[in-house]
N, C-alpha and C. Protein backbone atom coordinates (compact mmCIF):
# COMPACT_ATOMS: atom_id res chain seq x y z
N MET A 1 8.61 7.96 -26.55
CA MET A 1 8.02 7.98 -25.22
C MET A 1 9.01 7.37 -24.24
N GLN A 2 9.14 8.01 -23.10
CA GLN A 2 10.02 7.52 -22.05
C GLN A 2 9.26 7.48 -20.73
N ILE A 3 9.36 6.35 -20.01
CA ILE A 3 8.82 6.25 -18.65
C ILE A 3 10.01 6.24 -17.72
N ARG A 4 9.99 7.16 -16.74
CA ARG A 4 11.11 7.27 -15.81
C ARG A 4 10.60 7.68 -14.44
N LYS A 5 11.48 7.59 -13.45
CA LYS A 5 11.14 8.04 -12.10
C LYS A 5 11.14 9.57 -12.04
N VAL A 6 10.36 10.09 -11.12
CA VAL A 6 10.25 11.54 -10.93
C VAL A 6 11.60 12.15 -10.55
N ASN A 7 11.84 13.34 -11.06
CA ASN A 7 13.02 14.15 -10.71
C ASN A 7 12.56 15.38 -9.95
N LYS A 8 13.47 15.97 -9.18
CA LYS A 8 13.15 17.19 -8.43
C LYS A 8 12.66 18.29 -9.37
N GLU A 9 13.24 18.37 -10.55
CA GLU A 9 12.88 19.41 -11.52
C GLU A 9 11.44 19.25 -12.02
N ASP A 10 10.82 18.10 -11.79
CA ASP A 10 9.45 17.83 -12.25
C ASP A 10 8.39 18.42 -11.33
N ASN A 11 8.76 18.80 -10.11
CA ASN A 11 7.78 19.18 -9.09
C ASN A 11 6.75 20.20 -9.57
N ALA A 12 7.19 21.33 -10.05
CA ALA A 12 6.26 22.40 -10.42
C ALA A 12 5.37 21.98 -11.59
N PHE A 13 5.94 21.34 -12.57
CA PHE A 13 5.13 20.93 -13.72
C PHE A 13 4.09 19.90 -13.32
N LEU A 14 4.47 18.90 -12.53
CA LEU A 14 3.51 17.87 -12.11
C LEU A 14 2.38 18.47 -11.27
N ALA A 15 2.71 19.37 -10.36
CA ALA A 15 1.66 20.00 -9.54
C ALA A 15 0.67 20.75 -10.43
N LYS A 16 1.20 21.46 -11.41
CA LYS A 16 0.32 22.21 -12.33
C LYS A 16 -0.53 21.24 -13.15
N MET A 17 0.07 20.17 -13.66
CA MET A 17 -0.67 19.20 -14.47
C MET A 17 -1.80 18.56 -13.65
N ILE A 18 -1.49 18.16 -12.43
CA ILE A 18 -2.50 17.51 -11.57
C ILE A 18 -3.65 18.47 -11.30
N ARG A 19 -3.35 19.69 -10.95
CA ARG A 19 -4.41 20.66 -10.65
C ARG A 19 -5.21 21.02 -11.91
N THR A 20 -4.55 21.03 -13.06
CA THR A 20 -5.26 21.27 -14.32
C THR A 20 -6.30 20.18 -14.58
N VAL A 21 -5.95 18.93 -14.28
CA VAL A 21 -6.90 17.83 -14.45
C VAL A 21 -8.11 18.05 -13.54
N PHE A 22 -7.90 18.50 -12.32
CA PHE A 22 -9.01 18.80 -11.42
C PHE A 22 -9.91 19.89 -11.99
N TYR A 23 -9.32 20.92 -12.56
CA TYR A 23 -10.11 21.99 -13.19
C TYR A 23 -10.91 21.44 -14.37
N GLU A 24 -10.26 20.64 -15.23
CA GLU A 24 -10.91 20.08 -16.41
C GLU A 24 -12.16 19.30 -16.06
N TYR A 25 -12.07 18.52 -15.00
CA TYR A 25 -13.17 17.64 -14.61
C TYR A 25 -14.07 18.25 -13.54
N ASN A 26 -13.80 19.50 -13.18
CA ASN A 26 -14.59 20.18 -12.16
C ASN A 26 -14.67 19.34 -10.88
N ALA A 27 -13.54 18.78 -10.50
CA ALA A 27 -13.46 17.90 -9.33
C ALA A 27 -13.23 18.73 -8.06
N PRO A 28 -13.68 18.21 -6.92
CA PRO A 28 -13.51 18.94 -5.65
C PRO A 28 -12.03 19.22 -5.35
N GLN A 29 -11.78 20.39 -4.84
CA GLN A 29 -10.41 20.77 -4.53
C GLN A 29 -10.05 20.54 -3.07
N GLU A 30 -11.01 20.70 -2.19
CA GLU A 30 -10.74 20.52 -0.76
C GLU A 30 -10.82 19.03 -0.41
N GLY A 31 -9.92 18.60 0.46
CA GLY A 31 -9.92 17.21 0.91
C GLY A 31 -9.42 16.24 -0.15
N THR A 32 -8.69 16.77 -1.15
CA THR A 32 -8.17 15.93 -2.24
C THR A 32 -6.70 16.28 -2.48
N VAL A 33 -6.11 15.60 -3.43
CA VAL A 33 -4.73 15.86 -3.82
C VAL A 33 -4.55 17.32 -4.24
N PHE A 34 -5.58 17.93 -4.78
CA PHE A 34 -5.50 19.32 -5.24
C PHE A 34 -4.97 20.22 -4.13
N SER A 35 -5.50 20.08 -2.93
CA SER A 35 -5.11 20.96 -1.82
C SER A 35 -4.05 20.35 -0.91
N ASP A 36 -3.63 19.13 -1.18
CA ASP A 36 -2.60 18.46 -0.38
C ASP A 36 -1.26 19.16 -0.63
N PRO A 37 -0.59 19.66 0.42
CA PRO A 37 0.69 20.37 0.21
C PRO A 37 1.78 19.50 -0.40
N THR A 38 1.70 18.18 -0.27
CA THR A 38 2.73 17.32 -0.86
C THR A 38 2.68 17.33 -2.39
N THR A 39 1.56 17.77 -2.96
CA THR A 39 1.43 17.82 -4.42
C THR A 39 2.49 18.74 -5.04
N ASP A 40 2.95 19.71 -4.29
CA ASP A 40 3.98 20.62 -4.78
C ASP A 40 5.41 20.09 -4.57
N HIS A 41 5.52 18.94 -3.91
CA HIS A 41 6.83 18.40 -3.56
C HIS A 41 6.86 16.88 -3.80
N LEU A 42 6.47 16.47 -4.99
CA LEU A 42 6.34 15.03 -5.26
C LEU A 42 7.68 14.30 -5.26
N PHE A 43 8.72 14.92 -5.76
CA PHE A 43 10.02 14.26 -5.73
C PHE A 43 10.40 13.92 -4.29
N GLU A 44 10.25 14.89 -3.40
CA GLU A 44 10.61 14.66 -2.00
C GLU A 44 9.70 13.60 -1.37
N LEU A 45 8.41 13.64 -1.66
CA LEU A 45 7.48 12.66 -1.13
C LEU A 45 7.88 11.25 -1.53
N PHE A 46 8.29 11.09 -2.76
CA PHE A 46 8.59 9.76 -3.27
C PHE A 46 10.03 9.31 -2.99
N GLN A 47 10.67 9.94 -2.02
CA GLN A 47 11.92 9.43 -1.48
C GLN A 47 11.63 8.44 -0.34
N THR A 48 10.37 8.33 0.03
CA THR A 48 9.94 7.39 1.06
C THR A 48 10.23 5.96 0.60
N GLU A 49 10.70 5.15 1.52
CA GLU A 49 11.00 3.76 1.21
C GLU A 49 9.76 3.04 0.65
N LYS A 50 9.97 2.20 -0.34
CA LYS A 50 8.94 1.39 -1.01
C LYS A 50 7.91 2.23 -1.74
N SER A 51 8.32 3.43 -2.16
CA SER A 51 7.45 4.26 -2.98
C SER A 51 8.16 4.56 -4.29
N VAL A 52 7.37 4.88 -5.31
CA VAL A 52 7.94 5.31 -6.59
C VAL A 52 6.86 6.08 -7.35
N LEU A 53 7.29 7.13 -8.04
CA LEU A 53 6.39 7.86 -8.92
C LEU A 53 6.99 7.81 -10.32
N TRP A 54 6.22 7.23 -11.24
CA TRP A 54 6.63 7.13 -12.64
C TRP A 54 6.05 8.30 -13.41
N VAL A 55 6.83 8.88 -14.28
CA VAL A 55 6.35 9.93 -15.17
C VAL A 55 6.59 9.49 -16.61
N VAL A 56 5.72 9.95 -17.50
CA VAL A 56 5.87 9.67 -18.93
C VAL A 56 6.22 10.97 -19.63
N GLU A 57 7.25 10.91 -20.45
CA GLU A 57 7.65 12.04 -21.28
C GLU A 57 7.47 11.68 -22.74
N ILE A 58 6.93 12.61 -23.50
CA ILE A 58 6.88 12.49 -24.95
C ILE A 58 7.46 13.78 -25.50
N ASN A 59 8.48 13.66 -26.33
CA ASN A 59 9.16 14.84 -26.88
C ASN A 59 9.57 15.82 -25.79
N ASN A 60 10.16 15.29 -24.72
CA ASN A 60 10.67 16.07 -23.59
C ASN A 60 9.58 16.82 -22.82
N GLU A 61 8.33 16.40 -22.97
CA GLU A 61 7.23 16.99 -22.21
C GLU A 61 6.57 15.91 -21.36
N ILE A 62 6.41 16.19 -20.06
CA ILE A 62 5.73 15.24 -19.18
C ILE A 62 4.25 15.26 -19.50
N VAL A 63 3.68 14.08 -19.75
CA VAL A 63 2.26 13.99 -20.09
C VAL A 63 1.47 13.13 -19.12
N GLY A 64 2.13 12.54 -18.11
CA GLY A 64 1.39 11.73 -17.15
C GLY A 64 2.26 11.24 -16.02
N CYS A 65 1.58 10.75 -14.98
CA CYS A 65 2.28 10.19 -13.83
C CYS A 65 1.39 9.17 -13.13
N CYS A 66 2.02 8.28 -12.40
CA CYS A 66 1.33 7.28 -11.58
C CYS A 66 2.38 6.60 -10.72
N GLY A 67 2.00 6.25 -9.50
CA GLY A 67 2.97 5.61 -8.63
C GLY A 67 2.33 4.84 -7.50
N ILE A 68 3.20 4.40 -6.59
CA ILE A 68 2.75 3.68 -5.40
C ILE A 68 3.35 4.36 -4.18
N TYR A 69 2.60 4.29 -3.07
CA TYR A 69 3.05 4.92 -1.83
C TYR A 69 2.53 4.11 -0.64
N PRO A 70 3.41 3.80 0.32
CA PRO A 70 2.99 3.04 1.51
C PRO A 70 2.27 3.94 2.52
N THR A 71 1.04 4.22 2.25
CA THR A 71 0.24 5.15 3.03
C THR A 71 0.07 4.67 4.48
N SER A 72 0.13 5.61 5.38
CA SER A 72 -0.05 5.33 6.80
C SER A 72 -1.41 4.66 7.04
N GLY A 73 -1.41 3.66 7.89
CA GLY A 73 -2.65 2.99 8.26
C GLY A 73 -3.02 1.80 7.39
N LEU A 74 -2.32 1.61 6.29
CA LEU A 74 -2.58 0.42 5.46
C LEU A 74 -1.80 -0.76 6.02
N SER A 75 -2.27 -1.96 5.76
CA SER A 75 -1.55 -3.16 6.22
C SER A 75 -0.20 -3.24 5.51
N LYS A 76 0.70 -4.03 6.05
CA LYS A 76 2.05 -4.17 5.47
C LYS A 76 2.02 -4.78 4.08
N GLN A 77 0.93 -5.47 3.74
CA GLN A 77 0.83 -6.09 2.42
C GLN A 77 0.18 -5.17 1.38
N THR A 78 -0.29 -3.99 1.82
CA THR A 78 -1.06 -3.10 0.96
C THR A 78 -0.32 -1.79 0.72
N VAL A 79 -0.28 -1.36 -0.53
CA VAL A 79 0.30 -0.08 -0.91
C VAL A 79 -0.76 0.70 -1.69
N GLU A 80 -0.69 2.01 -1.62
CA GLU A 80 -1.67 2.83 -2.32
C GLU A 80 -1.17 3.19 -3.73
N LEU A 81 -2.04 3.06 -4.70
CA LEU A 81 -1.80 3.55 -6.05
C LEU A 81 -2.15 5.04 -6.02
N VAL A 82 -1.21 5.88 -6.40
CA VAL A 82 -1.39 7.33 -6.22
C VAL A 82 -0.97 8.12 -7.45
N LYS A 83 -1.46 9.36 -7.51
CA LYS A 83 -1.03 10.35 -8.49
C LYS A 83 -1.17 9.86 -9.94
N PHE A 84 -2.30 9.24 -10.24
CA PHE A 84 -2.56 8.74 -11.59
C PHE A 84 -3.26 9.84 -12.39
N TYR A 85 -2.48 10.58 -13.15
CA TYR A 85 -2.99 11.71 -13.93
C TYR A 85 -2.36 11.72 -15.31
N ILE A 86 -3.16 11.99 -16.33
CA ILE A 86 -2.70 12.08 -17.71
C ILE A 86 -3.17 13.42 -18.27
N SER A 87 -2.27 14.14 -18.94
CA SER A 87 -2.63 15.40 -19.60
C SER A 87 -3.67 15.15 -20.68
N ALA A 88 -4.51 16.14 -20.92
CA ALA A 88 -5.59 16.02 -21.90
C ALA A 88 -5.07 15.58 -23.27
N ASN A 89 -3.93 16.11 -23.71
CA ASN A 89 -3.42 15.79 -25.04
C ASN A 89 -2.83 14.38 -25.15
N ALA A 90 -2.73 13.68 -24.03
CA ALA A 90 -2.14 12.33 -24.04
C ALA A 90 -3.15 11.23 -23.70
N ARG A 91 -4.40 11.61 -23.42
CA ARG A 91 -5.40 10.60 -23.05
C ARG A 91 -5.86 9.80 -24.26
N GLY A 92 -6.26 8.55 -23.99
CA GLY A 92 -6.79 7.69 -25.04
C GLY A 92 -5.73 7.06 -25.91
N LYS A 93 -4.49 7.09 -25.47
CA LYS A 93 -3.37 6.55 -26.27
C LYS A 93 -2.69 5.36 -25.60
N GLY A 94 -3.28 4.86 -24.51
CA GLY A 94 -2.70 3.71 -23.81
C GLY A 94 -1.65 4.08 -22.78
N ILE A 95 -1.38 5.36 -22.61
CA ILE A 95 -0.36 5.79 -21.66
C ILE A 95 -0.76 5.47 -20.22
N GLY A 96 -2.03 5.68 -19.91
CA GLY A 96 -2.52 5.36 -18.57
C GLY A 96 -2.35 3.89 -18.24
N ARG A 97 -2.66 3.02 -19.19
CA ARG A 97 -2.50 1.58 -18.98
C ARG A 97 -1.04 1.23 -18.73
N LEU A 98 -0.13 1.81 -19.52
CA LEU A 98 1.30 1.56 -19.32
C LEU A 98 1.77 2.01 -17.94
N LEU A 99 1.35 3.19 -17.53
CA LEU A 99 1.72 3.68 -16.20
C LEU A 99 1.16 2.80 -15.10
N MET A 100 -0.09 2.38 -15.27
CA MET A 100 -0.73 1.51 -14.28
C MET A 100 0.05 0.18 -14.18
N GLU A 101 0.37 -0.41 -15.31
CA GLU A 101 1.09 -1.68 -15.30
C GLU A 101 2.48 -1.53 -14.68
N LYS A 102 3.15 -0.42 -14.96
CA LYS A 102 4.46 -0.16 -14.37
C LYS A 102 4.34 -0.02 -12.84
N SER A 103 3.30 0.64 -12.38
CA SER A 103 3.08 0.81 -10.94
C SER A 103 2.73 -0.51 -10.27
N ILE A 104 1.92 -1.33 -10.93
CA ILE A 104 1.59 -2.66 -10.38
C ILE A 104 2.86 -3.50 -10.27
N ALA A 105 3.69 -3.47 -11.29
CA ALA A 105 4.96 -4.22 -11.26
C ALA A 105 5.83 -3.71 -10.11
N SER A 106 5.86 -2.41 -9.88
CA SER A 106 6.65 -1.85 -8.77
C SER A 106 6.13 -2.34 -7.43
N ALA A 107 4.82 -2.40 -7.29
CA ALA A 107 4.23 -2.89 -6.04
C ALA A 107 4.66 -4.34 -5.78
N ARG A 108 4.62 -5.15 -6.81
CA ARG A 108 5.06 -6.55 -6.66
C ARG A 108 6.54 -6.61 -6.28
N THR A 109 7.36 -5.82 -6.97
CA THR A 109 8.80 -5.80 -6.69
C THR A 109 9.09 -5.44 -5.24
N HIS A 110 8.29 -4.55 -4.68
CA HIS A 110 8.48 -4.13 -3.29
C HIS A 110 7.80 -5.08 -2.30
N GLY A 111 7.23 -6.18 -2.77
CA GLY A 111 6.68 -7.20 -1.90
C GLY A 111 5.25 -7.02 -1.46
N PHE A 112 4.52 -6.11 -2.08
CA PHE A 112 3.11 -5.90 -1.73
C PHE A 112 2.23 -6.91 -2.47
N SER A 113 1.10 -7.26 -1.85
CA SER A 113 0.16 -8.19 -2.49
C SER A 113 -1.20 -7.54 -2.77
N GLU A 114 -1.37 -6.28 -2.35
CA GLU A 114 -2.61 -5.56 -2.61
C GLU A 114 -2.31 -4.11 -2.98
N LEU A 115 -3.13 -3.59 -3.87
CA LEU A 115 -3.08 -2.17 -4.24
C LEU A 115 -4.41 -1.54 -3.85
N TYR A 116 -4.34 -0.42 -3.17
CA TYR A 116 -5.51 0.33 -2.74
C TYR A 116 -5.50 1.68 -3.44
N LEU A 117 -6.67 2.21 -3.75
CA LEU A 117 -6.73 3.55 -4.32
C LEU A 117 -7.98 4.27 -3.88
N GLU A 118 -7.92 5.59 -3.98
CA GLU A 118 -9.08 6.45 -3.71
C GLU A 118 -9.29 7.33 -4.93
N SER A 119 -10.56 7.60 -5.23
CA SER A 119 -10.86 8.43 -6.39
C SER A 119 -12.16 9.19 -6.18
N LEU A 120 -12.59 9.83 -7.24
CA LEU A 120 -13.80 10.65 -7.23
C LEU A 120 -14.66 10.29 -8.44
N PRO A 121 -15.99 10.43 -8.35
CA PRO A 121 -16.85 10.15 -9.50
C PRO A 121 -16.51 10.99 -10.73
N GLU A 122 -15.97 12.19 -10.52
CA GLU A 122 -15.60 13.05 -11.63
C GLU A 122 -14.56 12.40 -12.55
N PHE A 123 -13.79 11.49 -11.99
CA PHE A 123 -12.75 10.80 -12.77
C PHE A 123 -13.24 9.44 -13.25
N SER A 124 -14.43 9.40 -13.81
CA SER A 124 -15.04 8.14 -14.22
C SER A 124 -14.20 7.39 -15.26
N ASN A 125 -13.48 8.10 -16.12
CA ASN A 125 -12.63 7.42 -17.11
C ASN A 125 -11.55 6.61 -16.41
N ALA A 126 -10.94 7.18 -15.39
CA ALA A 126 -9.91 6.47 -14.64
C ALA A 126 -10.51 5.29 -13.89
N ILE A 127 -11.70 5.46 -13.37
CA ILE A 127 -12.35 4.37 -12.64
C ILE A 127 -12.57 3.18 -13.57
N GLY A 128 -12.92 3.43 -14.82
CA GLY A 128 -13.05 2.37 -15.80
C GLY A 128 -11.73 1.64 -16.02
N ILE A 129 -10.63 2.39 -16.06
CA ILE A 129 -9.31 1.77 -16.20
C ILE A 129 -9.03 0.89 -14.98
N TYR A 130 -9.33 1.41 -13.79
CA TYR A 130 -9.10 0.63 -12.57
C TYR A 130 -9.89 -0.68 -12.63
N GLU A 131 -11.14 -0.60 -13.02
CA GLU A 131 -11.98 -1.81 -13.07
C GLU A 131 -11.43 -2.80 -14.09
N ARG A 132 -10.97 -2.33 -15.24
CA ARG A 132 -10.39 -3.23 -16.25
C ARG A 132 -9.10 -3.87 -15.75
N GLN A 133 -8.42 -3.20 -14.83
CA GLN A 133 -7.19 -3.74 -14.25
C GLN A 133 -7.47 -4.68 -13.07
N GLY A 134 -8.75 -4.86 -12.72
CA GLY A 134 -9.09 -5.80 -11.66
C GLY A 134 -9.34 -5.21 -10.30
N PHE A 135 -9.44 -3.89 -10.20
CA PHE A 135 -9.76 -3.26 -8.92
C PHE A 135 -11.25 -3.46 -8.62
N LEU A 136 -11.56 -3.71 -7.36
CA LEU A 136 -12.94 -3.87 -6.91
C LEU A 136 -13.28 -2.76 -5.93
N LYS A 137 -14.52 -2.26 -6.00
CA LYS A 137 -14.95 -1.18 -5.11
C LYS A 137 -15.11 -1.68 -3.69
N LEU A 138 -14.79 -0.80 -2.75
CA LEU A 138 -14.93 -1.08 -1.32
C LEU A 138 -16.05 -0.21 -0.75
N GLU A 139 -16.55 -0.60 0.41
CA GLU A 139 -17.61 0.15 1.08
C GLU A 139 -17.10 1.36 1.84
N LYS A 140 -15.83 1.31 2.27
CA LYS A 140 -15.28 2.39 3.09
C LYS A 140 -13.78 2.50 2.83
N PRO A 141 -13.19 3.63 3.23
CA PRO A 141 -11.76 3.82 2.98
C PRO A 141 -10.88 2.96 3.88
N LEU A 142 -9.65 2.76 3.42
CA LEU A 142 -8.61 2.11 4.20
C LEU A 142 -7.53 3.14 4.49
N GLY A 143 -6.75 2.92 5.52
CA GLY A 143 -5.61 3.78 5.77
C GLY A 143 -5.97 5.19 6.19
N ALA A 144 -4.93 6.04 6.20
CA ALA A 144 -5.08 7.42 6.65
C ALA A 144 -4.48 8.36 5.60
N THR A 145 -5.16 8.48 4.47
CA THR A 145 -4.63 9.28 3.37
C THR A 145 -4.77 10.78 3.60
N GLY A 146 -5.75 11.17 4.41
CA GLY A 146 -6.02 12.59 4.62
C GLY A 146 -6.86 13.20 3.53
N HIS A 147 -7.33 12.38 2.58
CA HIS A 147 -8.13 12.87 1.46
C HIS A 147 -9.60 12.57 1.71
N SER A 148 -10.17 13.33 2.62
CA SER A 148 -11.56 13.12 3.03
C SER A 148 -12.56 13.41 1.92
N GLY A 149 -12.14 14.12 0.88
CA GLY A 149 -13.02 14.44 -0.23
C GLY A 149 -13.24 13.28 -1.19
N CYS A 150 -12.40 12.27 -1.12
CA CYS A 150 -12.55 11.11 -2.00
C CYS A 150 -13.66 10.21 -1.48
N ASN A 151 -14.49 9.69 -2.37
CA ASN A 151 -15.59 8.83 -1.94
C ASN A 151 -15.71 7.55 -2.75
N ILE A 152 -14.67 7.22 -3.49
CA ILE A 152 -14.59 5.93 -4.18
C ILE A 152 -13.30 5.28 -3.70
N TRP A 153 -13.41 4.06 -3.21
CA TRP A 153 -12.28 3.32 -2.69
C TRP A 153 -12.25 1.97 -3.38
N MET A 154 -11.06 1.55 -3.81
CA MET A 154 -10.94 0.32 -4.57
C MET A 154 -9.69 -0.45 -4.12
N LEU A 155 -9.74 -1.78 -4.34
CA LEU A 155 -8.64 -2.65 -3.94
C LEU A 155 -8.42 -3.71 -5.00
N LYS A 156 -7.15 -4.06 -5.22
CA LYS A 156 -6.80 -5.10 -6.18
C LYS A 156 -5.77 -6.02 -5.54
N LYS A 157 -5.98 -7.31 -5.67
CA LYS A 157 -4.98 -8.32 -5.26
C LYS A 157 -3.99 -8.43 -6.42
N ILE A 158 -2.69 -8.47 -6.07
CA ILE A 158 -1.68 -8.59 -7.13
C ILE A 158 -0.76 -9.78 -6.90
């Protein structure tokens, strides 16, 4: 298993993997990452300062991703945890926890003291991971993510 930063060559595969997860969980497509045009250009998106997208490869196949992004409208101390997706064949093996911990460490390295995220009830397994990592639910969204379809908002002090 290898955890590394996203490469330009990963764009098409990651977009397909993310959208496949939405299909698997019958999650809303409008107002979410599914329909966000940046999903097809993740390498370029994560060239933004103080952002990083980690991918996990097993036997030269990408099986997951997770990262941080300084979303517009968040305070200078807060970064968004983004693009946390694991392929069906890699779930339940601790890969999500490793990616989450790597992303939290990246947020600290970049000087952030809070992690914010948005999710959907369809991704209840991920929400359980967030809660175990110390994320607390919020009453309303923060920042300007453009993902109006998300209705679960969480924050963690780091």
